[in-house]
Amino acid sequence: MLKVTTALSALAALTLSPIAAPANAQAQDAAETPAARPVYEQIDYNIENDRENILLLDLSNGQRVAIRLMPSWAPNHVERIKTLARQGFYDGVIFHRVIDGFMAQTGDPTGTGQGGSELPDLKEEFNPMPHIRGTVAMARAASEDSANSQFFIVFYPRFALDKRYTNFGRVIGNMAAVDAIQRGEPPQNPTRIMQASIASDNRPQPSMQAMPTPGPQTPGAEMTADDLNAPLGE
């Protein structure tokens, strides 16, 4: 996950070259804004509606982020996220790859970008929803059908990722907390997910003292340092 392979180098050069400067990142996508693209489905930003499909991330920066999960876009990926959240899989996991002007990636219990859950990889559910600010999509390895547990939140529009990564939701509350996630590959002082929960379960927001620390993990065989490069593309 931390290195770009030869197979991915072409798209990586296109998507990452301007990322060091957010102004350039915005200029890159200025020619195609969300307003200029078709509207496929409206997002419900009311956090009181359909709470069974709202993912809450309580972060170590003391903030709670609300994400609207969209089963109509990617039913199997949404079900995976809900299953892992209810298992406590994401509790204590860091944002291990955070690129300014691009995205923040998490969901690896090893914190290396090489790990995943013990559940089988998912078949892709690519859809036409654009990767705009606040998009939440599944990371994957080189294979289109290799998404497992890792996901990323987009800081600025990245339309080159459309129909190449499974877009399964959108931040509907406290995007400012996502903006405050510590940058780095990996960050020196990474932001953690203290608790991931589904809103309908009504789990209370944890205290800083209660933050779990993940134990040693063995990366899954399908996740290697050479091929886990999502969300850079193929």
Protein backbone atom coordinates (compact mmCIF):
# COMPACT_ATOMS: atom_id res chain seq x y z
CA MET A 1 0.00 0.00 0.00
CA LEU A 2 2.88 2.36 0.73
CA LYS A 3 4.73 1.93 -2.55
CA VAL A 4 3.61 2.36 -6.15
CA THR A 5 4.22 -0.64 -8.38
CA THR A 6 5.31 -0.46 -12.00
CA ALA A 7 1.84 -1.58 -13.10
CA LEU A 8 0.28 1.39 -11.32
CA SER A 9 2.89 4.01 -12.09
CA ALA A 10 1.12 5.60 -15.07
CA LEU A 11 -2.10 6.55 -13.26
CA ALA A 12 -0.22 7.25 -10.05
CA ALA A 13 1.80 9.91 -11.85
CA LEU A 14 -1.41 11.52 -13.07
CA THR A 15 -3.23 11.49 -9.73
CA LEU A 16 -0.39 12.18 -7.33
CA SER A 17 1.85 14.70 -9.09
CA PRO A 18 -0.21 17.76 -8.06
CA ILE A 19 -1.25 16.51 -4.63
CA ALA A 20 1.49 18.23 -2.65
CA ALA A 21 -0.29 21.55 -3.28
CA PRO A 22 -4.05 21.55 -2.63
CA ALA A 23 -4.50 24.55 -4.93
CA ASN A 24 -3.16 22.50 -7.82
CA ALA A 25 -5.35 19.59 -6.79
CA GLN A 26 -8.41 21.80 -7.07
CA ALA A 27 -7.28 23.21 -10.41
CA GLN A 28 -6.83 19.70 -11.78
CA ASP A 29 -10.54 19.00 -11.41
CA ALA A 30 -11.86 22.50 -12.15
CA ALA A 31 -12.78 21.51 -15.68
CA GLU A 32 -15.27 18.93 -14.38
CA THR A 33 -17.09 19.95 -11.23
CA PRO A 34 -19.85 17.97 -9.52
CA ALA A 35 -22.39 20.54 -10.79
CA ALA A 36 -21.41 19.69 -14.36
CA ARG A 37 -21.91 15.96 -13.86
CA PRO A 38 -25.20 14.01 -13.91
CA VAL A 39 -26.95 13.64 -10.56
CA TYR A 40 -27.53 9.92 -10.06
CA GLU A 41 -28.95 9.95 -6.54
CA GLN A 42 -29.39 12.55 -3.85
CA ILE A 43 -27.70 12.05 -0.48
CA ASP A 44 -29.82 12.37 2.67
CA TYR A 45 -27.83 14.60 5.02
CA ASN A 46 -30.31 14.28 7.90
CA ILE A 47 -28.55 12.13 10.49
CA GLU A 48 -31.90 11.23 12.07
CA ASN A 49 -33.07 9.40 8.94
CA ASP A 50 -32.29 5.73 8.18
CA ARG A 51 -29.82 5.42 11.04
CA GLU A 52 -29.24 1.77 10.12
CA ASN A 53 -27.19 3.12 7.21
CA ILE A 54 -25.13 5.75 9.01
CA LEU A 55 -21.57 4.89 10.02
CA LEU A 56 -20.20 6.90 12.94
CA LEU A 57 -16.45 7.29 13.34
CA ASP A 58 -15.27 8.56 16.72
CA LEU A 59 -11.75 9.84 16.13
CA SER A 60 -8.82 10.38 18.46
CA ASN A 61 -8.99 14.10 17.66
CA GLY A 62 -12.14 14.09 19.81
CA GLN A 63 -14.55 14.46 16.90
CA ARG A 64 -17.37 12.28 15.58
CA VAL A 65 -17.84 11.89 11.81
CA ALA A 66 -21.13 10.70 10.28
CA ILE A 67 -21.08 8.82 6.97
CA ARG A 68 -24.20 7.98 4.95
CA LEU A 69 -23.86 4.40 3.67
CA MET A 70 -25.58 3.76 0.33
CA PRO A 71 -26.74 0.15 -0.16
CA SER A 72 -28.31 1.15 -3.47
CA TRP A 73 -24.82 1.90 -4.81
CA ALA A 74 -22.85 -1.00 -3.36
CA PRO A 75 -24.92 -3.38 -1.20
CA ASN A 76 -22.17 -5.92 -0.48
CA HIS A 77 -19.58 -3.30 0.43
CA VAL A 78 -22.03 -1.51 2.73
CA GLU A 79 -22.86 -4.81 4.42
CA ARG A 80 -19.13 -5.51 4.91
CA ILE A 81 -18.52 -2.13 6.53
CA LYS A 82 -21.50 -2.61 8.85
CA THR A 83 -20.41 -6.14 9.77
CA LEU A 84 -16.85 -5.09 10.61
CA ALA A 85 -17.99 -2.01 12.52
CA ARG A 86 -20.32 -4.13 14.66
CA GLN A 87 -17.50 -6.60 15.31
CA GLY A 88 -15.32 -3.76 16.64
CA PHE A 89 -12.82 -4.44 13.85
CA TYR A 90 -12.08 -0.75 13.20
CA ASP A 91 -11.77 0.29 16.85
CA GLY A 92 -8.24 1.55 17.47
CA VAL A 93 -7.20 1.42 13.80
CA ILE A 94 -5.15 4.35 12.47
CA PHE A 95 -5.42 6.41 9.31
CA HIS A 96 -2.19 5.03 7.87
CA ARG A 97 -2.03 6.89 4.55
CA VAL A 98 -3.20 10.49 4.41
CA ILE A 99 -2.26 12.62 1.41
CA ASP A 100 -3.02 16.34 1.54
CA GLY A 101 -5.40 17.34 -1.23
CA PHE A 102 -6.27 13.72 -2.01
CA MET A 103 -7.61 11.33 0.63
CA ALA A 104 -7.31 9.70 4.07
CA GLN A 105 -7.11 5.90 4.14
CA THR A 106 -7.80 3.54 7.04
CA GLY A 107 -9.19 0.11 7.84
CA ASP A 108 -5.96 -1.88 8.23
CA PRO A 109 -5.50 -3.35 11.73
CA THR A 110 -1.76 -3.69 11.12
CA GLY A 111 -1.40 0.03 10.39
CA THR A 112 0.91 -0.81 7.49
CA GLY A 113 -1.45 -0.75 4.52
CA GLN A 114 -0.88 -4.47 4.01
CA GLY A 115 -3.61 -5.91 6.21
CA GLY A 116 -7.28 -6.75 6.06
CA SER A 117 -9.97 -8.75 7.78
CA GLU A 118 -10.36 -12.53 7.80
CA LEU A 119 -13.48 -12.21 5.65
CA PRO A 120 -13.20 -13.00 1.92
CA ASP A 121 -12.42 -10.23 -0.55
CA LEU A 122 -15.36 -8.55 -2.24
CA LYS A 123 -16.33 -8.53 -5.89
CA GLU A 124 -16.25 -4.99 -7.24
CA GLU A 125 -19.44 -2.92 -7.23
CA PHE A 126 -18.26 0.00 -9.37
CA ASN A 127 -20.97 2.59 -9.92
CA PRO A 128 -21.30 5.98 -11.63
CA MET A 129 -21.28 8.05 -8.45
CA PRO A 130 -18.40 10.57 -8.64
CA HIS A 131 -15.50 10.76 -6.18
CA ILE A 132 -16.17 14.25 -4.85
CA ARG A 133 -15.23 15.84 -1.53
CA GLY A 134 -16.51 13.64 1.28
CA THR A 135 -16.81 10.49 -0.84
CA VAL A 136 -16.11 7.25 1.04
CA ALA A 137 -14.86 4.41 -1.15
CA MET A 138 -13.24 1.03 -0.74
CA ALA A 139 -9.50 0.61 -1.21
CA ARG A 140 -8.25 -2.43 -3.07
CA ALA A 141 -5.15 -4.11 -4.45
CA ALA A 142 -4.40 -4.43 -8.17
CA SER A 143 -7.30 -6.84 -8.71
CA GLU A 144 -10.68 -5.16 -9.08
CA ASP A 145 -12.15 -7.82 -6.78
CA SER A 146 -9.70 -7.40 -3.88
CA ALA A 147 -11.48 -4.90 -1.59
CA ASN A 148 -11.68 -6.23 1.96
CA SER A 149 -11.69 -3.83 4.92
CA GLN A 150 -9.71 -0.73 3.97
CA PHE A 151 -11.51 2.42 2.85
CA PHE A 152 -10.67 6.04 2.12
CA ILE A 153 -12.33 9.46 2.43
CA VAL A 154 -11.73 11.96 -0.37
CA PHE A 155 -10.58 15.52 0.50
CA TYR A 156 -10.92 16.97 -3.02
CA PRO A 157 -12.61 15.65 -6.20
CA ARG A 158 -10.75 12.80 -7.88
CA PHE A 159 -12.79 11.83 -10.93
CA ALA A 160 -10.01 9.57 -12.24
CA LEU A 161 -11.13 7.11 -9.55
CA ASP A 162 -14.71 6.93 -10.84
CA LYS A 163 -15.84 3.42 -11.83
CA ARG A 164 -12.45 2.09 -10.71
CA TYR A 165 -13.09 2.01 -6.96
CA THR A 166 -16.33 1.14 -5.22
CA ASN A 167 -17.97 4.33 -3.97
CA PHE A 168 -20.27 3.32 -1.11
CA GLY A 169 -21.04 6.48 0.87
CA ARG A 170 -20.56 10.14 1.70
CA VAL A 171 -19.63 12.14 4.80
CA ILE A 172 -22.81 13.87 5.96
CA GLY A 173 -21.56 15.28 9.25
CA ASN A 174 -18.33 16.95 10.45
CA MET A 175 -16.14 16.88 7.35
CA ALA A 176 -13.97 19.37 9.27
CA ALA A 177 -12.89 16.48 11.51
CA VAL A 178 -11.79 14.54 8.42
CA ASP A 179 -9.80 17.58 7.27
CA ALA A 180 -8.04 17.53 10.65
CA ILE A 181 -6.73 13.96 10.24
CA GLN A 182 -2.94 13.90 10.51
CA ARG A 183 -1.13 13.72 7.15
CA GLY A 184 1.62 11.28 6.25
CA GLU A 185 2.45 7.89 4.71
CA PRO A 186 2.29 6.93 7.53
CA PRO A 187 1.74 9.99 9.77
CA GLN A 188 4.19 10.47 12.63
CA ASN A 189 1.30 10.89 15.06
CA PRO A 190 -1.59 9.16 13.29
CA THR A 191 -5.23 9.86 13.94
CA ARG A 192 -7.11 6.77 15.14
CA ILE A 193 -10.65 5.52 14.88
CA MET A 194 -11.48 5.12 18.55
CA GLN A 195 -14.82 3.55 17.69
CA ALA A 196 -16.75 2.77 14.52
CA SER A 197 -20.44 2.10 15.02
CA ILE A 198 -23.79 2.09 13.26
CA ALA A 199 -26.01 4.95 14.40
CA SER A 200 -29.04 2.73 15.03
CA ASP A 201 -27.02 0.78 17.62
CA ASN A 202 -26.77 3.93 19.77
CA ARG A 203 -23.28 3.25 21.10
CA PRO A 204 -22.08 6.15 23.26
CA GLN A 205 -19.11 8.20 22.17
CA PRO A 206 -15.99 6.77 23.89
CA SER A 207 -13.67 8.76 26.10
CA MET A 208 -10.04 9.33 25.15
CA GLN A 209 -8.98 7.10 28.04
CA ALA A 210 -11.02 4.23 26.61
CA MET A 211 -9.25 4.27 23.25
CA PRO A 212 -8.36 0.65 22.32
CA THR A 213 -4.92 -0.31 21.13
CA PRO A 214 -4.86 -3.04 18.47
CA GLY A 215 -2.64 -6.02 19.18
CA PRO A 216 -0.22 -7.73 16.79
CA GLN A 217 -1.83 -8.74 13.53
CA THR A 218 -0.74 -10.95 10.68
CA PRO A 219 -1.40 -9.40 7.25
CA GLY A 220 -3.65 -11.42 4.97
CA ALA A 221 -1.92 -13.28 2.17
CA GLU A 222 -3.81 -11.27 -0.44
CA MET A 223 -2.40 -7.97 0.87
CA THR A 224 1.24 -7.46 -0.02
CA ALA A 225 3.49 -4.42 -0.01
CA ASP A 226 3.94 -4.80 -3.75
CA ASP A 227 0.32 -4.90 -4.86
CA LEU A 228 -1.77 -3.03 -2.27
CA ASN A 229 -1.72 0.47 -3.76
CA ALA A 230 -5.32 1.60 -3.63
CA PRO A 231 -6.64 4.14 -4.22
CA LEU A 232 -4.02 5.06 -6.85
CA GLY A 233 -5.59 3.01 -9.62
CA GLU A 234 -4.25 0.47 -12.05
